Amino acid sequence: MIANEIDAEAKVAAAWIGTRLHDGERPCKDGAGRYVDFTNGSIYWHPDLNVVDGKARAIAVPAAVYNTWTGLQWEQGQLGYPIARHTVIDGVGDVQRFQGGVICRRYGQAGRIVYGAILERWEALGGVNGQYGWPVTDENADGDAGRAQTFERGLLRWHPSGVVGSLDEAAQ
């Protein structure tokens, strides 16, 4: 018997995912992936992602992270499909990796996305547990062709010449 990967992930997430909301799996708009909605999140599967021992594994996305992902057009948007299970930072929030970046959501606050060169630098500096902490804004335009994102303890800027961080510029 071939294991259904969405059902297998639902068993892993059973402590929090809740009740299945519809029969069967629904196709994603790209025609390749599939998903199932639950009361506290959704589970996504794509045949070419999260391959372990020759099998593509499904990934659960908790509702609070999903709500941010919804505003980015789910798998059709810049983040693409989830590629790792969410990580719970006890008492603080959740972080989940997607093909094109991460969603960080502190409890009681909207989720923020971090991606590209700013994501690489921020993760190299420890991510949410590092010197910059949690993102407090999404990335925005910054001057001539640059980008910037504000974190709890500073600002990371990207310019075509490279990423520059500054702890002197405290989050506002």
N, C-alpha and C. Protein backbone atom coordinates (compact mmCIF):
# COMPACT_ATOMS: atom_id res chain seq x y z
N MET A 1 0.83 -1.19 0.00
CA MET A 1 0.00 0.00 0.00
C MET A 1 0.88 1.25 0.00
N ILE A 2 0.55 2.22 -0.82
CA ILE A 2 1.30 3.48 -0.90
C ILE A 2 0.77 4.43 0.16
N ALA A 3 1.67 4.97 0.95
CA ALA A 3 1.28 5.90 2.01
C ALA A 3 0.89 7.25 1.41
N ASN A 4 -0.19 7.82 1.91
CA ASN A 4 -0.58 9.16 1.52
C ASN A 4 0.20 10.12 2.40
N GLU A 5 1.01 10.98 1.80
CA GLU A 5 1.90 11.85 2.56
C GLU A 5 1.15 12.94 3.34
N ILE A 6 0.04 13.42 2.82
CA ILE A 6 -0.74 14.41 3.57
C ILE A 6 -1.32 13.77 4.83
N ASP A 7 -1.85 12.55 4.70
CA ASP A 7 -2.37 11.85 5.88
C ASP A 7 -1.25 11.56 6.89
N ALA A 8 -0.07 11.20 6.38
CA ALA A 8 1.06 10.93 7.27
C ALA A 8 1.46 12.19 8.03
N GLU A 9 1.47 13.35 7.36
CA GLU A 9 1.80 14.61 8.03
C GLU A 9 0.71 14.99 9.04
N ALA A 10 -0.54 14.69 8.72
CA ALA A 10 -1.64 14.98 9.64
C ALA A 10 -1.45 14.20 10.95
N LYS A 11 -0.92 13.00 10.88
CA LYS A 11 -0.66 12.23 12.09
C LYS A 11 0.46 12.87 12.90
N VAL A 12 1.50 13.36 12.22
CA VAL A 12 2.61 14.03 12.91
C VAL A 12 2.12 15.30 13.60
N ALA A 13 1.20 16.03 12.94
CA ALA A 13 0.70 17.30 13.46
C ALA A 13 -0.58 17.15 14.28
N ALA A 14 -0.96 15.94 14.60
CA ALA A 14 -2.25 15.66 15.25
C ALA A 14 -2.48 16.47 16.52
N ALA A 15 -1.44 16.80 17.27
CA ALA A 15 -1.59 17.52 18.53
C ALA A 15 -2.12 18.94 18.34
N TRP A 16 -1.96 19.51 17.14
CA TRP A 16 -2.38 20.90 16.94
C TRP A 16 -3.19 21.16 15.68
N ILE A 17 -3.16 20.33 14.67
CA ILE A 17 -3.74 20.65 13.35
C ILE A 17 -5.27 20.69 13.36
N GLY A 18 -5.90 19.93 14.23
CA GLY A 18 -7.36 19.96 14.31
C GLY A 18 -8.04 19.00 13.35
N THR A 19 -9.30 19.28 13.07
CA THR A 19 -10.16 18.42 12.28
C THR A 19 -10.05 18.73 10.79
N ARG A 20 -10.03 17.69 10.00
CA ARG A 20 -10.01 17.84 8.53
C ARG A 20 -11.31 18.52 8.11
N LEU A 21 -11.22 19.50 7.20
CA LEU A 21 -12.39 20.28 6.81
C LEU A 21 -13.06 19.83 5.52
N HIS A 22 -12.40 18.97 4.74
CA HIS A 22 -13.01 18.50 3.50
C HIS A 22 -12.48 17.12 3.14
N ASP A 23 -13.28 16.38 2.42
CA ASP A 23 -12.86 15.06 1.96
C ASP A 23 -11.86 15.21 0.82
N GLY A 24 -10.94 14.29 0.75
CA GLY A 24 -9.98 14.28 -0.34
C GLY A 24 -8.99 15.42 -0.30
N GLU A 25 -8.12 15.41 -1.28
CA GLU A 25 -7.11 16.46 -1.43
C GLU A 25 -7.55 17.39 -2.55
N ARG A 26 -7.19 18.64 -2.43
CA ARG A 26 -7.52 19.62 -3.46
C ARG A 26 -6.25 19.96 -4.24
N PRO A 27 -6.38 20.16 -5.56
CA PRO A 27 -5.21 20.52 -6.35
C PRO A 27 -4.82 21.97 -6.14
N CYS A 28 -3.52 22.24 -6.12
CA CYS A 28 -3.03 23.62 -6.07
C CYS A 28 -3.16 24.21 -7.47
N LYS A 29 -3.14 25.52 -7.56
CA LYS A 29 -3.33 26.18 -8.85
C LYS A 29 -2.23 25.87 -9.86
N ASP A 30 -1.05 25.45 -9.38
CA ASP A 30 0.02 25.12 -10.33
C ASP A 30 -0.20 23.76 -10.99
N GLY A 31 -1.21 23.01 -10.52
CA GLY A 31 -1.51 21.71 -11.10
C GLY A 31 -0.63 20.59 -10.61
N ALA A 32 0.40 20.90 -9.85
CA ALA A 32 1.34 19.87 -9.39
C ALA A 32 1.11 19.51 -7.93
N GLY A 33 0.91 20.50 -7.09
CA GLY A 33 0.77 20.27 -5.66
C GLY A 33 -0.66 19.96 -5.25
N ARG A 34 -0.79 19.52 -4.00
CA ARG A 34 -2.10 19.18 -3.42
C ARG A 34 -2.12 19.72 -2.00
N TYR A 35 -3.33 19.93 -1.47
CA TYR A 35 -3.44 20.39 -0.09
C TYR A 35 -4.73 19.90 0.53
N VAL A 36 -4.77 19.96 1.87
CA VAL A 36 -5.96 19.68 2.66
C VAL A 36 -6.01 20.72 3.77
N ASP A 37 -7.21 21.27 3.99
CA ASP A 37 -7.41 22.25 5.07
C ASP A 37 -7.90 21.56 6.33
N PHE A 38 -7.43 22.04 7.47
CA PHE A 38 -7.84 21.57 8.79
C PHE A 38 -8.28 22.78 9.60
N THR A 39 -8.87 22.58 10.76
CA THR A 39 -9.36 23.70 11.56
C THR A 39 -8.23 24.63 12.03
N ASN A 40 -7.03 24.11 12.22
CA ASN A 40 -5.94 24.93 12.73
C ASN A 40 -4.75 25.04 11.78
N GLY A 41 -4.98 24.78 10.51
CA GLY A 41 -3.90 24.89 9.53
C GLY A 41 -4.22 24.13 8.27
N SER A 42 -3.24 24.00 7.42
CA SER A 42 -3.37 23.26 6.16
C SER A 42 -2.10 22.45 5.94
N ILE A 43 -2.23 21.41 5.13
CA ILE A 43 -1.07 20.58 4.79
C ILE A 43 -0.91 20.59 3.28
N TYR A 44 0.34 20.88 2.84
CA TYR A 44 0.67 20.99 1.42
C TYR A 44 1.68 19.93 1.02
N TRP A 45 1.53 19.46 -0.22
CA TRP A 45 2.43 18.46 -0.78
C TRP A 45 2.73 18.84 -2.21
N HIS A 46 3.97 18.67 -2.63
CA HIS A 46 4.40 18.88 -4.02
C HIS A 46 5.32 17.71 -4.38
N PRO A 47 5.15 17.12 -5.56
CA PRO A 47 5.91 15.91 -5.89
C PRO A 47 7.42 16.10 -5.97
N ASP A 48 7.89 17.33 -6.14
CA ASP A 48 9.33 17.56 -6.31
C ASP A 48 10.00 18.22 -5.10
N LEU A 49 9.25 18.43 -4.02
CA LEU A 49 9.81 19.12 -2.86
C LEU A 49 9.83 18.23 -1.63
N ASN A 50 10.74 18.53 -0.73
CA ASN A 50 10.83 17.83 0.56
C ASN A 50 11.02 16.34 0.37
N VAL A 51 11.83 15.97 -0.60
CA VAL A 51 12.05 14.56 -0.92
C VAL A 51 13.03 13.94 0.08
N VAL A 52 12.56 12.88 0.73
CA VAL A 52 13.36 12.13 1.70
C VAL A 52 13.24 10.66 1.31
N ASP A 53 14.37 10.00 1.11
CA ASP A 53 14.37 8.59 0.72
C ASP A 53 13.50 8.34 -0.51
N GLY A 54 13.54 9.26 -1.46
CA GLY A 54 12.81 9.09 -2.70
C GLY A 54 11.33 9.46 -2.66
N LYS A 55 10.84 9.91 -1.50
CA LYS A 55 9.43 10.28 -1.36
C LYS A 55 9.30 11.76 -1.04
N ALA A 56 8.35 12.42 -1.72
CA ALA A 56 8.05 13.81 -1.41
C ALA A 56 7.17 13.84 -0.17
N ARG A 57 7.60 14.56 0.84
CA ARG A 57 6.86 14.64 2.10
C ARG A 57 5.98 15.89 2.12
N ALA A 58 4.83 15.77 2.76
CA ALA A 58 3.92 16.90 2.94
C ALA A 58 4.38 17.73 4.14
N ILE A 59 3.98 19.01 4.16
CA ILE A 59 4.35 19.92 5.24
C ILE A 59 3.11 20.63 5.75
N ALA A 60 2.93 20.63 7.06
CA ALA A 60 1.81 21.33 7.70
C ALA A 60 2.17 22.79 7.93
N VAL A 61 1.19 23.66 7.73
CA VAL A 61 1.34 25.10 7.96
C VAL A 61 0.28 25.52 8.97
N PRO A 62 0.69 25.98 10.18
CA PRO A 62 -0.31 26.40 11.17
C PRO A 62 -1.08 27.63 10.69
N ALA A 63 -2.33 27.76 11.15
CA ALA A 63 -3.22 28.83 10.70
C ALA A 63 -2.61 30.22 10.82
N ALA A 64 -1.92 30.52 11.90
CA ALA A 64 -1.36 31.87 12.07
C ALA A 64 -0.30 32.17 11.01
N VAL A 65 0.50 31.19 10.64
CA VAL A 65 1.49 31.37 9.57
C VAL A 65 0.76 31.41 8.22
N TYR A 66 -0.22 30.52 8.08
CA TYR A 66 -1.01 30.43 6.85
C TYR A 66 -1.67 31.77 6.53
N ASN A 67 -2.15 32.48 7.55
CA ASN A 67 -2.81 33.77 7.32
C ASN A 67 -1.87 34.77 6.65
N THR A 68 -0.61 34.78 7.04
CA THR A 68 0.37 35.65 6.39
C THR A 68 0.64 35.16 4.96
N TRP A 69 0.79 33.86 4.81
CA TRP A 69 1.05 33.25 3.49
C TRP A 69 -0.09 33.54 2.53
N THR A 70 -1.33 33.56 3.03
CA THR A 70 -2.51 33.87 2.21
C THR A 70 -2.35 35.22 1.52
N GLY A 71 -1.89 36.23 2.27
CA GLY A 71 -1.71 37.57 1.72
C GLY A 71 -0.63 37.63 0.66
N LEU A 72 0.15 36.57 0.54
CA LEU A 72 1.23 36.51 -0.45
C LEU A 72 0.89 35.54 -1.58
N GLN A 73 -0.39 35.18 -1.69
CA GLN A 73 -0.89 34.30 -2.76
C GLN A 73 -0.42 32.86 -2.64
N TRP A 74 -0.26 32.37 -1.43
CA TRP A 74 0.09 30.98 -1.16
C TRP A 74 1.28 30.53 -2.01
N GLU A 75 1.21 29.33 -2.54
CA GLU A 75 2.32 28.77 -3.32
C GLU A 75 2.54 29.48 -4.64
N GLN A 76 1.57 30.27 -5.10
CA GLN A 76 1.75 31.00 -6.37
C GLN A 76 2.57 32.28 -6.18
N GLY A 77 2.76 32.72 -4.95
CA GLY A 77 3.46 33.97 -4.68
C GLY A 77 4.95 33.78 -4.51
N GLN A 78 5.60 34.83 -4.03
CA GLN A 78 7.06 34.84 -3.93
C GLN A 78 7.62 33.80 -2.98
N LEU A 79 6.84 33.34 -2.01
CA LEU A 79 7.37 32.35 -1.07
C LEU A 79 7.29 30.93 -1.60
N GLY A 80 6.37 30.64 -2.50
CA GLY A 80 6.23 29.28 -3.00
C GLY A 80 5.67 28.34 -1.94
N TYR A 81 6.05 27.08 -2.03
CA TYR A 81 5.57 26.04 -1.12
C TYR A 81 6.37 26.00 0.18
N PRO A 82 5.75 25.49 1.27
CA PRO A 82 6.51 25.27 2.49
C PRO A 82 7.53 24.15 2.25
N ILE A 83 8.72 24.31 2.80
CA ILE A 83 9.75 23.28 2.62
C ILE A 83 10.29 22.74 3.95
N ALA A 84 9.75 23.24 5.06
CA ALA A 84 10.13 22.72 6.38
C ALA A 84 8.97 22.93 7.34
N ARG A 85 8.87 22.05 8.30
CA ARG A 85 7.87 22.22 9.34
C ARG A 85 8.16 23.50 10.12
N HIS A 86 7.11 24.07 10.68
CA HIS A 86 7.31 25.29 11.46
C HIS A 86 8.07 24.96 12.74
N THR A 87 8.81 25.93 13.21
CA THR A 87 9.54 25.81 14.46
C THR A 87 8.84 26.70 15.48
N VAL A 88 8.56 26.15 16.64
CA VAL A 88 7.94 26.91 17.71
C VAL A 88 9.04 27.45 18.61
N ILE A 89 9.07 28.75 18.80
CA ILE A 89 9.97 29.38 19.76
C ILE A 89 9.11 29.57 21.00
N ASP A 90 9.32 28.72 22.01
CA ASP A 90 8.44 28.65 23.19
C ASP A 90 8.11 30.02 23.77
N GLY A 91 6.81 30.27 23.87
CA GLY A 91 6.32 31.49 24.48
C GLY A 91 6.48 32.73 23.63
N VAL A 92 7.04 32.60 22.42
CA VAL A 92 7.32 33.78 21.61
C VAL A 92 6.60 33.74 20.26
N GLY A 93 6.76 32.66 19.50
CA GLY A 93 6.14 32.62 18.18
C GLY A 93 6.58 31.44 17.34
N ASP A 94 6.28 31.53 16.06
CA ASP A 94 6.57 30.47 15.09
C ASP A 94 7.39 31.00 13.93
N VAL A 95 8.22 30.12 13.36
CA VAL A 95 9.00 30.44 12.17
C VAL A 95 8.82 29.27 11.21
N GLN A 96 8.53 29.57 9.94
CA GLN A 96 8.40 28.49 8.96
C GLN A 96 9.08 28.89 7.66
N ARG A 97 9.83 27.93 7.10
CA ARG A 97 10.57 28.14 5.86
C ARG A 97 9.74 27.71 4.67
N PHE A 98 9.82 28.53 3.63
CA PHE A 98 9.20 28.29 2.33
C PHE A 98 10.28 28.34 1.27
N GLN A 99 9.95 27.98 0.05
CA GLN A 99 10.95 27.99 -1.02
C GLN A 99 11.64 29.34 -1.14
N GLY A 100 10.90 30.43 -0.98
CA GLY A 100 11.45 31.76 -1.22
C GLY A 100 11.70 32.60 0.00
N GLY A 101 11.69 32.03 1.19
CA GLY A 101 11.94 32.82 2.39
C GLY A 101 11.32 32.19 3.61
N VAL A 102 11.18 32.99 4.67
CA VAL A 102 10.57 32.49 5.91
C VAL A 102 9.47 33.45 6.36
N ILE A 103 8.50 32.87 7.06
CA ILE A 103 7.50 33.67 7.76
C ILE A 103 7.80 33.54 9.24
N CYS A 104 7.89 34.69 9.91
CA CYS A 104 8.12 34.76 11.36
C CYS A 104 6.90 35.41 11.96
N ARG A 105 6.28 34.73 12.92
CA ARG A 105 5.09 35.28 13.54
C ARG A 105 5.20 35.20 15.05
N ARG A 106 5.28 36.37 15.66
CA ARG A 106 5.26 36.44 17.13
C ARG A 106 3.82 36.31 17.56
N TYR A 107 3.59 35.64 18.68
CA TYR A 107 2.23 35.47 19.18
C TYR A 107 1.58 36.83 19.38
N GLY A 108 0.35 36.95 18.89
CA GLY A 108 -0.41 38.18 19.04
C GLY A 108 -0.08 39.25 18.01
N GLN A 109 0.83 38.95 17.06
CA GLN A 109 1.21 39.93 16.05
C GLN A 109 1.08 39.32 14.66
N ALA A 110 1.04 40.19 13.68
CA ALA A 110 1.00 39.73 12.29
C ALA A 110 2.34 39.08 11.93
N GLY A 111 2.29 38.14 11.02
CA GLY A 111 3.52 37.52 10.55
C GLY A 111 4.31 38.46 9.65
N ARG A 112 5.61 38.27 9.64
CA ARG A 112 6.52 39.05 8.78
C ARG A 112 7.31 38.09 7.93
N ILE A 113 7.65 38.51 6.72
CA ILE A 113 8.47 37.66 5.86
C ILE A 113 9.88 38.22 5.78
N VAL A 114 10.82 37.31 5.65
CA VAL A 114 12.22 37.67 5.46
C VAL A 114 12.69 36.82 4.29
N TYR A 115 13.37 37.42 3.33
CA TYR A 115 13.79 36.68 2.14
C TYR A 115 15.04 37.30 1.51
N GLY A 116 15.56 36.61 0.54
CA GLY A 116 16.68 37.10 -0.24
C GLY A 116 17.95 37.30 0.55
N ALA A 117 18.71 38.32 0.15
CA ALA A 117 20.00 38.60 0.77
C ALA A 117 19.85 39.01 2.24
N ILE A 118 18.77 39.70 2.57
CA ILE A 118 18.56 40.08 3.97
C ILE A 118 18.34 38.82 4.80
N LEU A 119 17.57 37.86 4.29
CA LEU A 119 17.37 36.59 5.00
C LEU A 119 18.70 35.88 5.22
N GLU A 120 19.53 35.81 4.19
CA GLU A 120 20.82 35.12 4.33
C GLU A 120 21.67 35.75 5.43
N ARG A 121 21.75 37.07 5.44
CA ARG A 121 22.55 37.78 6.45
C ARG A 121 21.96 37.61 7.84
N TRP A 122 20.63 37.77 7.95
CA TRP A 122 19.95 37.65 9.24
C TRP A 122 20.13 36.25 9.82
N GLU A 123 19.99 35.21 8.98
CA GLU A 123 20.20 33.84 9.47
C GLU A 123 21.66 33.62 9.86
N ALA A 124 22.61 34.18 9.12
CA ALA A 124 24.02 34.04 9.46
C ALA A 124 24.31 34.68 10.82
N LEU A 125 23.49 35.65 11.20
CA LEU A 125 23.66 36.35 12.48
C LEU A 125 22.76 35.76 13.57
N GLY A 126 22.15 34.58 13.32
CA GLY A 126 21.40 33.89 14.34
C GLY A 126 19.89 33.91 14.22
N GLY A 127 19.32 34.55 13.19
CA GLY A 127 17.87 34.57 13.01
C GLY A 127 17.15 35.19 14.20
N VAL A 128 15.98 34.64 14.56
CA VAL A 128 15.19 35.22 15.65
C VAL A 128 15.93 35.19 16.98
N ASN A 129 16.86 34.25 17.15
CA ASN A 129 17.62 34.15 18.39
C ASN A 129 18.96 34.88 18.33
N GLY A 130 19.21 35.59 17.25
CA GLY A 130 20.48 36.28 17.06
C GLY A 130 20.46 37.73 17.49
N GLN A 131 21.48 38.46 17.08
CA GLN A 131 21.64 39.83 17.53
C GLN A 131 20.57 40.78 17.03
N TYR A 132 19.89 40.47 15.93
CA TYR A 132 18.85 41.35 15.41
C TYR A 132 17.45 40.99 15.91
N GLY A 133 17.23 39.73 16.31
CA GLY A 133 15.93 39.31 16.82
C GLY A 133 14.87 39.17 15.75
N TRP A 134 13.64 39.36 16.15
CA TRP A 134 12.48 39.16 15.28
C TRP A 134 12.28 40.33 14.33
N PRO A 135 11.79 40.06 13.11
CA PRO A 135 11.47 41.16 12.20
C PRO A 135 10.24 41.91 12.73
N VAL A 136 10.25 43.23 12.61
CA VAL A 136 9.10 44.03 13.02
C VAL A 136 8.44 44.72 11.83
N THR A 137 9.09 44.67 10.67
CA THR A 137 8.48 45.14 9.42
C THR A 137 8.81 44.12 8.34
N ASP A 138 8.11 44.23 7.23
CA ASP A 138 8.51 43.49 6.04
C ASP A 138 9.59 44.32 5.35
N GLU A 139 10.23 43.75 4.36
CA GLU A 139 11.26 44.45 3.60
C GLU A 139 10.61 45.58 2.81
N ASN A 140 11.30 46.72 2.73
CA ASN A 140 10.80 47.90 2.01
C ASN A 140 11.88 48.51 1.15
N ALA A 141 11.47 49.35 0.20
CA ALA A 141 12.42 50.09 -0.61
C ALA A 141 13.22 51.02 0.30
N ASP A 142 14.52 51.16 -0.02
CA ASP A 142 15.41 51.99 0.80
C ASP A 142 16.39 52.71 -0.11
N GLY A 143 16.07 53.92 -0.44
CA GLY A 143 16.98 54.72 -1.24
C GLY A 143 17.13 54.24 -2.67
N ASP A 144 18.25 54.53 -3.25
CA ASP A 144 18.53 54.24 -4.65
C ASP A 144 18.78 52.75 -4.86
N ALA A 145 17.76 52.02 -5.28
CA ALA A 145 17.83 50.59 -5.62
C ALA A 145 18.03 49.68 -4.42
N GLY A 146 17.98 50.22 -3.21
CA GLY A 146 18.21 49.40 -2.03
C GLY A 146 16.93 48.89 -1.39
N ARG A 147 17.10 48.01 -0.41
CA ARG A 147 16.00 47.43 0.36
C ARG A 147 16.41 47.46 1.83
N ALA A 148 15.44 47.51 2.73
CA ALA A 148 15.74 47.50 4.16
C ALA A 148 14.64 46.77 4.91
N GLN A 149 15.02 46.19 6.05
CA GLN A 149 14.05 45.55 6.92
C GLN A 149 14.43 45.83 8.36
N THR A 150 13.43 46.22 9.15
CA THR A 150 13.65 46.54 10.55
C THR A 150 13.39 45.31 11.41
N PHE A 151 14.30 45.06 12.34
CA PHE A 151 14.21 43.96 13.30
C PHE A 151 14.15 44.57 14.69
N GLU A 152 13.91 43.75 15.69
CA GLU A 152 13.81 44.24 17.08
C GLU A 152 15.00 45.10 17.49
N ARG A 153 16.19 44.68 17.11
CA ARG A 153 17.39 45.35 17.59
C ARG A 153 18.25 45.92 16.47
N GLY A 154 17.59 46.33 15.40
CA GLY A 154 18.38 46.95 14.35
C GLY A 154 17.75 46.83 12.99
N LEU A 155 18.49 47.29 12.03
CA LEU A 155 18.04 47.39 10.65
C LEU A 155 19.05 46.67 9.76
N LEU A 156 18.55 45.87 8.85
CA LEU A 156 19.41 45.28 7.84
C LEU A 156 19.05 45.91 6.51
N ARG A 157 20.09 46.36 5.82
CA ARG A 157 19.90 46.99 4.52
C ARG A 157 20.57 46.15 3.45
N TRP A 158 19.94 46.14 2.29
CA TRP A 158 20.55 45.50 1.13
C TRP A 158 20.70 46.55 0.04
N HIS A 159 21.83 46.52 -0.59
CA HIS A 159 22.09 47.37 -1.76
C HIS A 159 22.76 46.46 -2.77
N PRO A 160 22.61 46.71 -4.05
CA PRO A 160 23.26 45.84 -5.03
C PRO A 160 24.74 45.59 -4.76
N SER A 161 25.37 46.46 -3.99
CA SER A 161 26.78 46.28 -3.66
C SER A 161 26.99 45.34 -2.46
N GLY A 162 25.89 44.97 -1.75
CA GLY A 162 26.01 44.03 -0.62
C GLY A 162 25.07 44.37 0.52
N VAL A 163 24.92 43.45 1.47
CA VAL A 163 24.05 43.66 2.64
C VAL A 163 24.84 44.33 3.73
N VAL A 164 24.25 45.33 4.34
CA VAL A 164 24.87 46.03 5.44
C VAL A 164 23.91 46.03 6.61
N GLY A 165 24.37 45.67 7.79
CA GLY A 165 23.53 45.70 8.99
C GLY A 165 23.95 46.83 9.90
N SER A 166 23.01 47.31 10.67
CA SER A 166 23.34 48.37 11.61
C SER A 166 22.55 48.20 12.89
N LEU A 167 23.21 47.84 13.98
CA LEU A 167 22.53 47.76 15.26
C LEU A 167 22.34 49.14 15.87
N ASP A 168 23.00 50.15 15.31
CA ASP A 168 22.86 51.52 15.81
C ASP A 168 21.49 52.08 15.51
N GLU A 169 20.86 51.57 14.47
CA GLU A 169 19.55 52.08 14.07
C GLU A 169 18.49 51.18 14.68
N ALA A 170 18.10 51.46 15.90
CA ALA A 170 17.15 50.62 16.64
C ALA A 170 15.79 50.61 15.97
N ALA A 171 15.07 49.51 16.14
CA ALA A 171 13.73 49.39 15.58
C ALA A 171 12.83 50.48 16.17
N GLN A 172 11.95 50.98 15.34
CA GLN A 172 11.08 52.07 15.80
C GLN A 172 9.66 51.63 15.88
